[in-house]
Amino acid sequence: MNVLRIALPAVILFQSACTWVEPTKEGSEVSLVKAFNVKGCKRIGTANTSVKHEVGIFTRSEEKVTEELVTLAKNKAAEMGGDSIVAQGSPSEGSMNFDVFRCHE
């Protein structure tokens, strides 16, 4: 019984630190940039992303959550034909929005 008391929280903490979202080949070619970098680019849409920010009673690392949100946005941007994304703000409760741009033809 003592092993279960130690093992279960350890597993939950380990999972909360894991990255569950993997970049696609195309998504890894999309850049996260600042708004001033896309002045001559064509805006082609928005990528709204969300991931779990809590696992049970544990809150996941803000850094990991943000990393996953950006990866999801890059993957979605690639599917839309975009090559750059600009965050519309900060993550909030596991969600974040991005503008998608095509800067290179």
PDB file of N, CA and C in Angstrom:
ATOM      1  N   MET A   1       0.823  -1.196   0.000  1.00  0.00           N
ATOM      2  CA  MET A   1       0.000   0.000   0.000  1.00  0.00           C
ATOM      3  C   MET A   1       0.863   1.254   0.000  1.00  0.00           C
ATOM      4  N   ASN A   2       1.993   1.253   0.726  1.00  0.00           N
ATOM      5  CA  ASN A   2       2.874   2.416   0.734  1.00  0.00           C
ATOM      6  C   ASN A   2       3.464   2.692  -0.642  1.00  0.00           C
ATOM      7  N   VAL A   3       3.736   1.627  -1.397  1.00  0.00           N
ATOM      8  CA  VAL A   3       4.278   1.787  -2.748  1.00  0.00           C
ATOM      9  C   VAL A   3       3.279   2.535  -3.623  1.00  0.00           C
ATOM     10  N   LEU A   4       1.997   2.201  -3.495  1.00  0.00           N
ATOM     11  CA  LEU A   4       0.955   2.857  -4.281  1.00  0.00           C
ATOM     12  C   LEU A   4       0.869   4.340  -3.934  1.00  0.00           C
ATOM     13  N   ARG A   5       1.015   4.677  -2.672  1.00  0.00           N
ATOM     14  CA  ARG A   5       0.959   6.077  -2.246  1.00  0.00           C
ATOM     15  C   ARG A   5       2.103   6.891  -2.837  1.00  0.00           C
ATOM     16  N   ILE A   6       3.224   6.262  -3.065  1.00  0.00           N
ATOM     17  CA  ILE A   6       4.384   6.954  -3.635  1.00  0.00           C
ATOM     18  C   ILE A   6       4.337   6.906  -5.157  1.00  0.00           C
ATOM     19  N   ALA A   7       3.997   5.751  -5.704  1.00  0.00           N
ATOM     20  CA  ALA A   7       4.040   5.558  -7.151  1.00  0.00           C
ATOM     21  C   ALA A   7       2.994   6.389  -7.888  1.00  0.00           C
ATOM     22  N   LEU A   8       1.781   6.441  -7.409  1.00  0.00           N
ATOM     23  CA  LEU A   8       0.718   7.154  -8.106  1.00  0.00           C
ATOM     24  C   LEU A   8       1.030   8.640  -8.263  1.00  0.00           C
ATOM     25  N   PRO A   9       1.386   9.357  -7.205  1.00  0.00           N
ATOM     26  CA  PRO A   9       1.736  10.774  -7.397  1.00  0.00           C
ATOM     27  C   PRO A   9       2.955  10.959  -8.303  1.00  0.00           C
ATOM     28  N   ALA A  10       3.909  10.041  -8.231  1.00  0.00           N
ATOM     29  CA  ALA A  10       5.093  10.142  -9.086  1.00  0.00           C
ATOM     30  C   ALA A  10       4.713  10.004 -10.551  1.00  0.00           C
ATOM     31  N   VAL A  11       3.828   9.076 -10.868  1.00  0.00           N
ATOM     32  CA  VAL A  11       3.373   8.887 -12.244  1.00  0.00           C
ATOM     33  C   VAL A  11       2.621  10.122 -12.726  1.00  0.00           C
ATOM     34  N   ILE A  12       1.761  10.660 -11.905  1.00  0.00           N
ATOM     35  CA  ILE A  12       0.990  11.852 -12.277  1.00  0.00           C
ATOM     36  C   ILE A  12       1.924  13.034 -12.508  1.00  0.00           C
ATOM     37  N   LEU A  13       2.889  13.234 -11.635  1.00  0.00           N
ATOM     38  CA  LEU A  13       3.840  14.334 -11.816  1.00  0.00           C
ATOM     39  C   LEU A  13       4.674  14.146 -13.074  1.00  0.00           C
ATOM     40  N   PHE A  14       5.098  12.924 -13.333  1.00  0.00           N
ATOM     41  CA  PHE A  14       5.885  12.646 -14.536  1.00  0.00           C
ATOM     42  C   PHE A  14       5.064  12.948 -15.779  1.00  0.00           C
ATOM     43  N   GLN A  15       3.808  12.521 -15.804  1.00  0.00           N
ATOM     44  CA  GLN A  15       2.958  12.772 -16.965  1.00  0.00           C
ATOM     45  C   GLN A  15       2.680  14.252 -17.148  1.00  0.00           C
ATOM     46  N   SER A  16       2.578  14.996 -16.066  1.00  0.00           N
ATOM     47  CA  SER A  16       2.291  16.416 -16.196  1.00  0.00           C
ATOM     48  C   SER A  16       3.467  17.171 -16.783  1.00  0.00           C
ATOM     49  N   ALA A  17       4.659  16.610 -16.733  1.00  0.00           N
ATOM     50  CA  ALA A  17       5.832  17.246 -17.306  1.00  0.00           C
ATOM     51  C   ALA A  17       6.081  16.812 -18.741  1.00  0.00           C
ATOM     52  N   CYS A  18       5.413  15.770 -19.203  1.00  0.00           N
ATOM     53  CA  CYS A  18       5.639  15.244 -20.545  1.00  0.00           C
ATOM     54  C   CYS A  18       5.029  16.148 -21.606  1.00  0.00           C
ATOM     55  N   THR A  19       5.625  16.101 -22.767  1.00  0.00           N
ATOM     56  CA  THR A  19       5.060  16.777 -23.922  1.00  0.00           C
ATOM     57  C   THR A  19       4.285  15.750 -24.712  1.00  0.00           C
ATOM     58  N   TRP A  20       3.006  15.995 -24.935  1.00  0.00           N
ATOM     59  CA  TRP A  20       2.145  15.048 -25.620  1.00  0.00           C
ATOM     60  C   TRP A  20       1.915  15.415 -27.077  1.00  0.00           C
ATOM     61  N   VAL A  21       2.290  16.617 -27.474  1.00  0.00           N
ATOM     62  CA  VAL A  21       2.055  17.084 -28.835  1.00  0.00           C
ATOM     63  C   VAL A  21       3.371  17.047 -29.600  1.00  0.00           C
ATOM     64  N   GLU A  22       3.365  16.355 -30.727  1.00  0.00           N
ATOM     65  CA  GLU A  22       4.567  16.246 -31.551  1.00  0.00           C
ATOM     66  C   GLU A  22       4.405  17.094 -32.803  1.00  0.00           C
ATOM     67  N   PRO A  23       5.480  17.764 -33.235  1.00  0.00           N
ATOM     68  CA  PRO A  23       5.391  18.543 -34.476  1.00  0.00           C
ATOM     69  C   PRO A  23       5.354  17.617 -35.692  1.00  0.00           C
ATOM     70  N   THR A  24       4.582  18.011 -36.682  1.00  0.00           N
ATOM     71  CA  THR A  24       4.616  17.307 -37.951  1.00  0.00           C
ATOM     72  C   THR A  24       5.838  17.805 -38.718  1.00  0.00           C
ATOM     73  N   LYS A  25       6.198  17.096 -39.782  1.00  0.00           N
ATOM     74  CA  LYS A  25       7.329  17.533 -40.602  1.00  0.00           C
ATOM     75  C   LYS A  25       7.059  18.938 -41.143  1.00  0.00           C
ATOM     76  N   GLU A  26       5.858  19.150 -41.652  1.00  0.00           N
ATOM     77  CA  GLU A  26       5.485  20.452 -42.201  1.00  0.00           C
ATOM     78  C   GLU A  26       5.391  21.513 -41.110  1.00  0.00           C
ATOM     79  N   GLY A  27       4.841  21.131 -39.960  1.00  0.00           N
ATOM     80  CA  GLY A  27       4.703  22.067 -38.850  1.00  0.00           C
ATOM     81  C   GLY A  27       6.029  22.547 -38.312  1.00  0.00           C
ATOM     82  N   SER A  28       7.055  21.695 -38.385  1.00  0.00           N
ATOM     83  CA  SER A  28       8.374  22.100 -37.880  1.00  0.00           C
ATOM     84  C   SER A  28       9.025  23.157 -38.766  1.00  0.00           C
ATOM     85  N   GLU A  29       8.464  23.377 -39.957  1.00  0.00           N
ATOM     86  CA  GLU A  29       8.986  24.398 -40.861  1.00  0.00           C
ATOM     87  C   GLU A  29       8.292  25.744 -40.691  1.00  0.00           C
ATOM     88  N   VAL A  30       7.273  25.809 -39.843  1.00  0.00           N
ATOM     89  CA  VAL A  30       6.546  27.054 -39.579  1.00  0.00           C
ATOM     90  C   VAL A  30       7.256  27.796 -38.450  1.00  0.00           C
ATOM     91  N   SER A  31       7.347  29.125 -38.588  1.00  0.00           N
ATOM     92  CA  SER A  31       8.045  29.949 -37.598  1.00  0.00           C
ATOM     93  C   SER A  31       7.061  30.712 -36.716  1.00  0.00           C
ATOM     94  N   LEU A  32       7.362  30.785 -35.429  1.00  0.00           N
ATOM     95  CA  LEU A  32       6.653  31.655 -34.502  1.00  0.00           C
ATOM     96  C   LEU A  32       7.396  32.979 -34.531  1.00  0.00           C
ATOM     97  N   VAL A  33       6.715  34.050 -34.950  1.00  0.00           N
ATOM     98  CA  VAL A  33       7.367  35.351 -35.108  1.00  0.00           C
ATOM     99  C   VAL A  33       6.552  36.438 -34.417  1.00  0.00           C
ATOM    100  N   LYS A  34       7.143  37.603 -34.316  1.00  0.00           N
ATOM    101  CA  LYS A  34       6.462  38.786 -33.777  1.00  0.00           C
ATOM    102  C   LYS A  34       5.689  39.461 -34.907  1.00  0.00           C
ATOM    103  N   ALA A  35       4.711  40.273 -34.563  1.00  0.00           N
ATOM    104  CA  ALA A  35       3.841  40.912 -35.547  1.00  0.00           C
ATOM    105  C   ALA A  35       4.620  41.756 -36.559  1.00  0.00           C
ATOM    106  N   PHE A  36       5.680  42.406 -36.145  1.00  0.00           N
ATOM    107  CA  PHE A  36       6.420  43.266 -37.080  1.00  0.00           C
ATOM    108  C   PHE A  36       7.137  42.450 -38.163  1.00  0.00           C
ATOM    109  N   ASN A  37       7.294  41.148 -37.954  1.00  0.00           N
ATOM    110  CA  ASN A  37       7.952  40.296 -38.945  1.00  0.00           C
ATOM    111  C   ASN A  37       7.038  39.890 -40.098  1.00  0.00           C
ATOM    112  N   VAL A  38       5.745  40.158 -39.995  1.00  0.00           N
ATOM    113  CA  VAL A  38       4.807  39.703 -41.018  1.00  0.00           C
ATOM    114  C   VAL A  38       4.142  40.864 -41.765  1.00  0.00           C
ATOM    115  N   LYS A  39       4.763  42.031 -41.758  1.00  0.00           N
ATOM    116  CA  LYS A  39       4.160  43.216 -42.391  1.00  0.00           C
ATOM    117  C   LYS A  39       3.885  43.019 -43.881  1.00  0.00           C
ATOM    118  N   GLY A  40       4.765  42.345 -44.608  1.00  0.00           N
ATOM    119  CA  GLY A  40       4.557  42.138 -46.039  1.00  0.00           C
ATOM    120  C   GLY A  40       3.947  40.783 -46.375  1.00  0.00           C
ATOM    121  N   CYS A  41       3.413  40.111 -45.370  1.00  0.00           N
ATOM    122  CA  CYS A  41       2.893  38.747 -45.564  1.00  0.00           C
ATOM    123  C   CYS A  41       1.376  38.752 -45.711  1.00  0.00           C
ATOM    124  N   LYS A  42       0.844  37.671 -46.246  1.00  0.00           N
ATOM    125  CA  LYS A  42      -0.606  37.526 -46.396  1.00  0.00           C
ATOM    126  C   LYS A  42      -1.160  36.749 -45.210  1.00  0.00           C
ATOM    127  N   ARG A  43      -2.117  37.359 -44.509  1.00  0.00           N
ATOM    128  CA  ARG A  43      -2.793  36.663 -43.408  1.00  0.00           C
ATOM    129  C   ARG A  43      -3.790  35.693 -44.016  1.00  0.00           C
ATOM    130  N   ILE A  44      -3.694  34.422 -43.628  1.00  0.00           N
ATOM    131  CA  ILE A  44      -4.586  33.417 -44.224  1.00  0.00           C
ATOM    132  C   ILE A  44      -5.567  32.807 -43.226  1.00  0.00           C
ATOM    133  N   GLY A  45      -5.506  33.224 -41.964  1.00  0.00           N
ATOM    134  CA  GLY A  45      -6.473  32.700 -41.009  1.00  0.00           C
ATOM    135  C   GLY A  45      -5.984  32.716 -39.578  1.00  0.00           C
ATOM    136  N   THR A  46      -6.683  31.940 -38.761  1.00  0.00           N
ATOM    137  CA  THR A  46      -6.402  31.865 -37.334  1.00  0.00           C
ATOM    138  C   THR A  46      -6.298  30.404 -36.923  1.00  0.00           C
ATOM    139  N   ALA A  47      -5.384  30.135 -36.011  1.00  0.00           N
ATOM    140  CA  ALA A  47      -5.271  28.802 -35.409  1.00  0.00           C
ATOM    141  C   ALA A  47      -5.602  28.940 -33.928  1.00  0.00           C
ATOM    142  N   ASN A  48      -6.689  28.315 -33.507  1.00  0.00           N
ATOM    143  CA  ASN A  48      -7.089  28.309 -32.102  1.00  0.00           C
ATOM    144  C   ASN A  48      -6.659  26.965 -31.527  1.00  0.00           C
ATOM    145  N   THR A  49      -5.819  26.995 -30.496  1.00  0.00           N
ATOM    146  CA  THR A  49      -5.281  25.753 -29.952  1.00  0.00           C
ATOM    147  C   THR A  49      -5.634  25.598 -28.482  1.00  0.00           C
ATOM    148  N   SER A  50      -5.711  24.343 -28.047  1.00  0.00           N
ATOM    149  CA  SER A  50      -5.942  24.082 -26.626  1.00  0.00           C
ATOM    150  C   SER A  50      -5.382  22.708 -26.263  1.00  0.00           C
ATOM    151  N   VAL A  51      -4.880  22.618 -25.043  1.00  0.00           N
ATOM    152  CA  VAL A  51      -4.356  21.379 -24.470  1.00  0.00           C
ATOM    153  C   VAL A  51      -4.775  21.325 -23.010  1.00  0.00           C
ATOM    154  N   LYS A  52      -4.593  20.158 -22.401  1.00  0.00           N
ATOM    155  CA  LYS A  52      -4.874  20.037 -20.964  1.00  0.00           C
ATOM    156  C   LYS A  52      -3.824  20.824 -20.192  1.00  0.00           C
ATOM    157  N   HIS A  53      -4.280  21.713 -19.334  1.00  0.00           N
ATOM    158  CA  HIS A  53      -3.344  22.456 -18.494  1.00  0.00           C
ATOM    159  C   HIS A  53      -3.337  21.920 -17.059  1.00  0.00           C
ATOM    160  N   GLU A  54      -4.257  20.994 -16.796  1.00  0.00           N
ATOM    161  CA  GLU A  54      -4.294  20.336 -15.496  1.00  0.00           C
ATOM    162  C   GLU A  54      -4.456  18.841 -15.705  1.00  0.00           C
ATOM    163  N   VAL A  55      -3.772  18.072 -14.876  1.00  0.00           N
ATOM    164  CA  VAL A  55      -3.908  16.624 -14.878  1.00  0.00           C
ATOM    165  C   VAL A  55      -4.326  16.251 -13.471  1.00  0.00           C
ATOM    166  N   GLY A  56      -5.587  15.886 -13.330  1.00  0.00           N
ATOM    167  CA  GLY A  56      -6.109  15.620 -11.984  1.00  0.00           C
ATOM    168  C   GLY A  56      -6.062  16.903 -11.161  1.00  0.00           C
ATOM    169  N   ILE A  57      -5.419  16.817 -10.026  1.00  0.00           N
ATOM    170  CA  ILE A  57      -5.314  17.990  -9.145  1.00  0.00           C
ATOM    171  C   ILE A  57      -4.035  18.785  -9.413  1.00  0.00           C
ATOM    172  N   PHE A  58      -3.235  18.328 -10.363  1.00  0.00           N
ATOM    173  CA  PHE A  58      -1.952  18.973 -10.640  1.00  0.00           C
ATOM    174  C   PHE A  58      -2.046  19.899 -11.845  1.00  0.00           C
ATOM    175  N   THR A  59      -1.446  21.075 -11.719  1.00  0.00           N
ATOM    176  CA  THR A  59      -1.357  22.012 -12.824  1.00  0.00           C
ATOM    177  C   THR A  59      -0.061  21.755 -13.572  1.00  0.00           C
ATOM    178  N   ARG A  60      -0.146  21.620 -14.880  1.00  0.00           N
ATOM    179  CA  ARG A  60       1.033  21.368 -15.704  1.00  0.00           C
ATOM    180  C   ARG A  60       1.893  22.619 -15.802  1.00  0.00           C
ATOM    181  N   SER A  61       3.150  22.426 -16.089  1.00  0.00           N
ATOM    182  CA  SER A  61       4.098  23.511 -16.265  1.00  0.00           C
ATOM    183  C   SER A  61       3.605  24.458 -17.357  1.00  0.00           C
ATOM    184  N   GLU A  62       3.608  25.752 -17.061  1.00  0.00           N
ATOM    185  CA  GLU A  62       3.178  26.753 -18.039  1.00  0.00           C
ATOM    186  C   GLU A  62       4.068  26.692 -19.283  1.00  0.00           C
ATOM    187  N   GLU A  63       5.326  26.423 -19.085  1.00  0.00           N
ATOM    188  CA  GLU A  63       6.269  26.325 -20.202  1.00  0.00           C
ATOM    189  C   GLU A  63       5.893  25.169 -21.141  1.00  0.00           C
ATOM    190  N   LYS A  64       5.583  23.998 -20.582  1.00  0.00           N
ATOM    191  CA  LYS A  64       5.200  22.836 -21.388  1.00  0.00           C
ATOM    192  C   LYS A  64       3.879  23.082 -22.104  1.00  0.00           C
ATOM    193  N   VAL A  65       2.923  23.669 -21.404  1.00  0.00           N
ATOM    194  CA  VAL A  65       1.623  23.960 -22.008  1.00  0.00           C
ATOM    195  C   VAL A  65       1.814  24.912 -23.188  1.00  0.00           C
ATOM    196  N   THR A  66       2.584  25.968 -22.994  1.00  0.00           N
ATOM    197  CA  THR A  66       2.832  26.935 -24.067  1.00  0.00           C
ATOM    198  C   THR A  66       3.543  26.277 -25.237  1.00  0.00           C
ATOM    199  N   GLU A  67       4.528  25.453 -24.948  1.00  0.00           N
ATOM    200  CA  GLU A  67       5.260  24.734 -25.999  1.00  0.00           C
ATOM    201  C   GLU A  67       4.302  23.889 -26.844  1.00  0.00           C
ATOM    202  N   GLU A  68       3.385  23.193 -26.192  1.00  0.00           N
ATOM    203  CA  GLU A  68       2.432  22.358 -26.912  1.00  0.00           C
ATOM    204  C   GLU A  68       1.445  23.198 -27.725  1.00  0.00           C
ATOM    205  N   LEU A  69       1.005  24.320 -27.169  1.00  0.00           N
ATOM    206  CA  LEU A  69       0.091  25.200 -27.891  1.00  0.00           C
ATOM    207  C   LEU A  69       0.741  25.737 -29.164  1.00  0.00           C
ATOM    208  N   VAL A  70       2.008  26.124 -29.069  1.00  0.00           N
ATOM    209  CA  VAL A  70       2.742  26.630 -30.233  1.00  0.00           C
ATOM    210  C   VAL A  70       2.919  25.516 -31.266  1.00  0.00           C
ATOM    211  N   THR A  71       3.263  24.321 -30.808  1.00  0.00           N
ATOM    212  CA  THR A  71       3.438  23.187 -31.723  1.00  0.00           C
ATOM    213  C   THR A  71       2.136  22.889 -32.466  1.00  0.00           C
ATOM    214  N   LEU A  72       1.016  22.871 -31.746  1.00  0.00           N
ATOM    215  CA  LEU A  72      -0.282  22.652 -32.386  1.00  0.00           C
ATOM    216  C   LEU A  72      -0.573  23.737 -33.419  1.00  0.00           C
ATOM    217  N   ALA A  73      -0.285  24.990 -33.068  1.00  0.00           N
ATOM    218  CA  ALA A  73      -0.535  26.105 -33.991  1.00  0.00           C
ATOM    219  C   ALA A  73       0.338  25.983 -35.236  1.00  0.00           C
ATOM    220  N   LYS A  74       1.586  25.587 -35.063  1.00  0.00           N
ATOM    221  CA  LYS A  74       2.465  25.395 -36.220  1.00  0.00           C
ATOM    222  C   LYS A  74       1.934  24.284 -37.120  1.00  0.00           C
ATOM    223  N   ASN A  75       1.488  23.183 -36.528  1.00  0.00           N
ATOM    224  CA  ASN A  75       0.932  22.075 -37.303  1.00  0.00           C
ATOM    225  C   ASN A  75      -0.306  22.531 -38.081  1.00  0.00           C
ATOM    226  N   LYS A  76      -1.193  23.282 -37.407  1.00  0.00           N
ATOM    227  CA  LYS A  76      -2.408  23.770 -38.069  1.00  0.00           C
ATOM    228  C   LYS A  76      -2.063  24.765 -39.168  1.00  0.00           C
ATOM    229  N   ALA A  77      -1.099  25.643 -38.911  1.00  0.00           N
ATOM    230  CA  ALA A  77      -0.690  26.629 -39.911  1.00  0.00           C
ATOM    231  C   ALA A  77      -0.165  25.940 -41.162  1.00  0.00           C
ATOM    232  N   ALA A  78       0.618  24.902 -40.982  1.00  0.00           N
ATOM    233  CA  ALA A  78       1.151  24.152 -42.127  1.00  0.00           C
ATOM    234  C   ALA A  78       0.020  23.537 -42.942  1.00  0.00           C
ATOM    235  N   GLU A  79      -0.996  23.005 -42.263  1.00  0.00           N
ATOM    236  CA  GLU A  79      -2.152  22.427 -42.959  1.00  0.00           C
ATOM    237  C   GLU A  79      -2.896  23.487 -43.764  1.00  0.00           C
ATOM    238  N   MET A  80      -2.865  24.739 -43.282  1.00  0.00           N
ATOM    239  CA  MET A  80      -3.551  25.848 -43.950  1.00  0.00           C
ATOM    240  C   MET A  80      -2.702  26.457 -45.068  1.00  0.00           C
ATOM    241  N   GLY A  81      -1.459  26.045 -45.172  1.00  0.00           N
ATOM    242  CA  GLY A  81      -0.567  26.618 -46.173  1.00  0.00           C
ATOM    243  C   GLY A  81       0.237  27.794 -45.664  1.00  0.00           C
ATOM    244  N   GLY A  82       0.268  27.970 -44.350  1.00  0.00           N
ATOM    245  CA  GLY A  82       1.020  29.074 -43.758  1.00  0.00           C
ATOM    246  C   GLY A  82       2.449  28.685 -43.453  1.00  0.00           C
ATOM    247  N   ASP A  83       3.284  29.707 -43.267  1.00  0.00           N
ATOM    248  CA  ASP A  83       4.673  29.458 -42.900  1.00  0.00           C
ATOM    249  C   ASP A  83       5.117  30.249 -41.672  1.00  0.00           C
ATOM    250  N   SER A  84       4.203  31.076 -41.148  1.00  0.00           N
ATOM    251  CA  SER A  84       4.513  31.885 -39.962  1.00  0.00           C
ATOM    252  C   SER A  84       3.265  32.031 -39.100  1.00  0.00           C
ATOM    253  N   ILE A  85       3.466  32.077 -37.785  1.00  0.00           N
ATOM    254  CA  ILE A  85       2.364  32.326 -36.860  1.00  0.00           C
ATOM    255  C   ILE A  85       2.755  33.445 -35.904  1.00  0.00           C
ATOM    256  N   VAL A  86       1.741  34.205 -35.472  1.00  0.00           N
ATOM    257  CA  VAL A  86       1.921  35.277 -34.493  1.00  0.00           C
ATOM    258  C   VAL A  86       0.921  35.044 -33.372  1.00  0.00           C
ATOM    259  N   ALA A  87       1.407  34.952 -32.146  1.00  0.00           N
ATOM    260  CA  ALA A  87       0.521  34.758 -30.994  1.00  0.00           C
ATOM    261  C   ALA A  87      -0.341  35.999 -30.802  1.00  0.00           C
ATOM    262  N   GLN A  88      -1.635  35.788 -30.529  1.00  0.00           N
ATOM    263  CA  GLN A  88      -2.561  36.890 -30.286  1.00  0.00           C
ATOM    264  C   GLN A  88      -2.580  37.310 -28.823  1.00  0.00           C
ATOM    265  N   GLY A  89      -1.878  36.596 -27.990  1.00  0.00           N
ATOM    266  CA  GLY A  89      -1.834  36.907 -26.567  1.00  0.00           C
ATOM    267  C   GLY A  89      -1.131  35.792 -25.830  1.00  0.00           C
ATOM    268  N   SER A  90      -1.317  35.762 -24.545  1.00  0.00           N
ATOM    269  CA  SER A  90      -0.707  34.735 -23.703  1.00  0.00           C
ATOM    270  C   SER A  90      -1.655  33.557 -23.539  1.00  0.00           C
ATOM    271  N   PRO A  91      -1.116  32.402 -23.164  1.00  0.00           N
ATOM    272  CA  PRO A  91      -1.988  31.251 -22.905  1.00  0.00           C
ATOM    273  C   PRO A  91      -2.920  31.522 -21.725  1.00  0.00           C
ATOM    274  N   SER A  92      -4.121  30.993 -21.818  1.00  0.00           N
ATOM    275  CA  SER A  92      -5.088  31.124 -20.732  1.00  0.00           C
ATOM    276  C   SER A  92      -5.817  29.795 -20.570  1.00  0.00           C
ATOM    277  N   GLU A  93      -5.631  29.155 -19.430  1.00  0.00           N
ATOM    278  CA  GLU A  93      -6.285  27.893 -19.103  1.00  0.00           C
ATOM    279  C   GLU A  93      -6.135  26.860 -20.215  1.00  0.00           C
ATOM    280  N   GLY A  94      -4.917  26.765 -20.775  1.00  0.00           N
ATOM    281  CA  GLY A  94      -4.632  25.750 -21.772  1.00  0.00           C
ATOM    282  C   GLY A  94      -5.059  26.098 -23.181  1.00  0.00           C
ATOM    283  N   SER A  95      -5.405  27.356 -23.437  1.00  0.00           N
ATOM    284  CA  SER A  95      -5.816  27.783 -24.778  1.00  0.00           C
ATOM    285  C   SER A  95      -5.012  28.994 -25.220  1.00  0.00           C
ATOM    286  N   MET A  96      -4.838  29.096 -26.553  1.00  0.00           N
ATOM    287  CA  MET A  96      -4.099  30.224 -27.112  1.00  0.00           C
ATOM    288  C   MET A  96      -4.493  30.368 -28.579  1.00  0.00           C
ATOM    289  N   ASN A  97      -4.534  31.595 -29.063  1.00  0.00           N
ATOM    290  CA  ASN A  97      -4.894  31.869 -30.449  1.00  0.00           C
ATOM    291  C   ASN A  97      -3.709  32.475 -31.192  1.00  0.00           C
ATOM    292  N   PHE A  98      -3.621  32.142 -32.478  1.00  0.00           N
ATOM    293  CA  PHE A  98      -2.525  32.600 -33.320  1.00  0.00           C
ATOM    294  C   PHE A  98      -3.077  33.055 -34.667  1.00  0.00           C
ATOM    295  N   ASP A  99      -2.485  34.108 -35.229  1.00  0.00           N
ATOM    296  CA  ASP A  99      -2.760  34.482 -36.604  1.00  0.00           C
ATOM    297  C   ASP A  99      -1.789  33.695 -37.470  1.00  0.00           C
ATOM    298  N   VAL A 100      -2.273  33.235 -38.626  1.00  0.00           N
ATOM    299  CA  VAL A 100      -1.459  32.434 -39.536  1.00  0.00           C
ATOM    300  C   VAL A 100      -1.187  33.259 -40.792  1.00  0.00           C
ATOM    301  N   PHE A 101       0.085  33.260 -41.226  1.00  0.00           N
ATOM    302  CA  PHE A 101       0.516  34.032 -42.380  1.00  0.00           C
ATOM    303  C   PHE A 101       1.281  33.187 -43.375  1.00  0.00           C
ATOM    304  N   ARG A 102       1.209  33.602 -44.637  1.00  0.00           N
ATOM    305  CA  ARG A 102       2.074  33.033 -45.679  1.00  0.00           C
ATOM    306  C   ARG A 102       2.987  34.173 -46.120  1.00  0.00           C
ATOM    307  N   CYS A 103       4.267  34.014 -45.825  1.00  0.00           N
ATOM    308  CA  CYS A 103       5.243  35.061 -46.139  1.00  0.00           C
ATOM    309  C   CYS A 103       6.075  34.714 -47.355  1.00  0.00           C
ATOM    310  N   HIS A 104       6.181  33.448 -47.666  1.00  0.00           N
ATOM    311  CA  HIS A 104       7.013  33.000 -48.794  1.00  0.00           C
ATOM    312  C   HIS A 104       6.142  32.223 -49.763  1.00  0.00           C
ATOM    313  N   GLU A 105       6.213  32.581 -51.004  1.00  0.00           N
ATOM    314  CA  GLU A 105       5.425  31.883 -52.038  1.00  0.00           C
ATOM    315  C   GLU A 105       6.188  30.728 -52.608  1.00  0.00           C
TER     316      GLU A 105
END
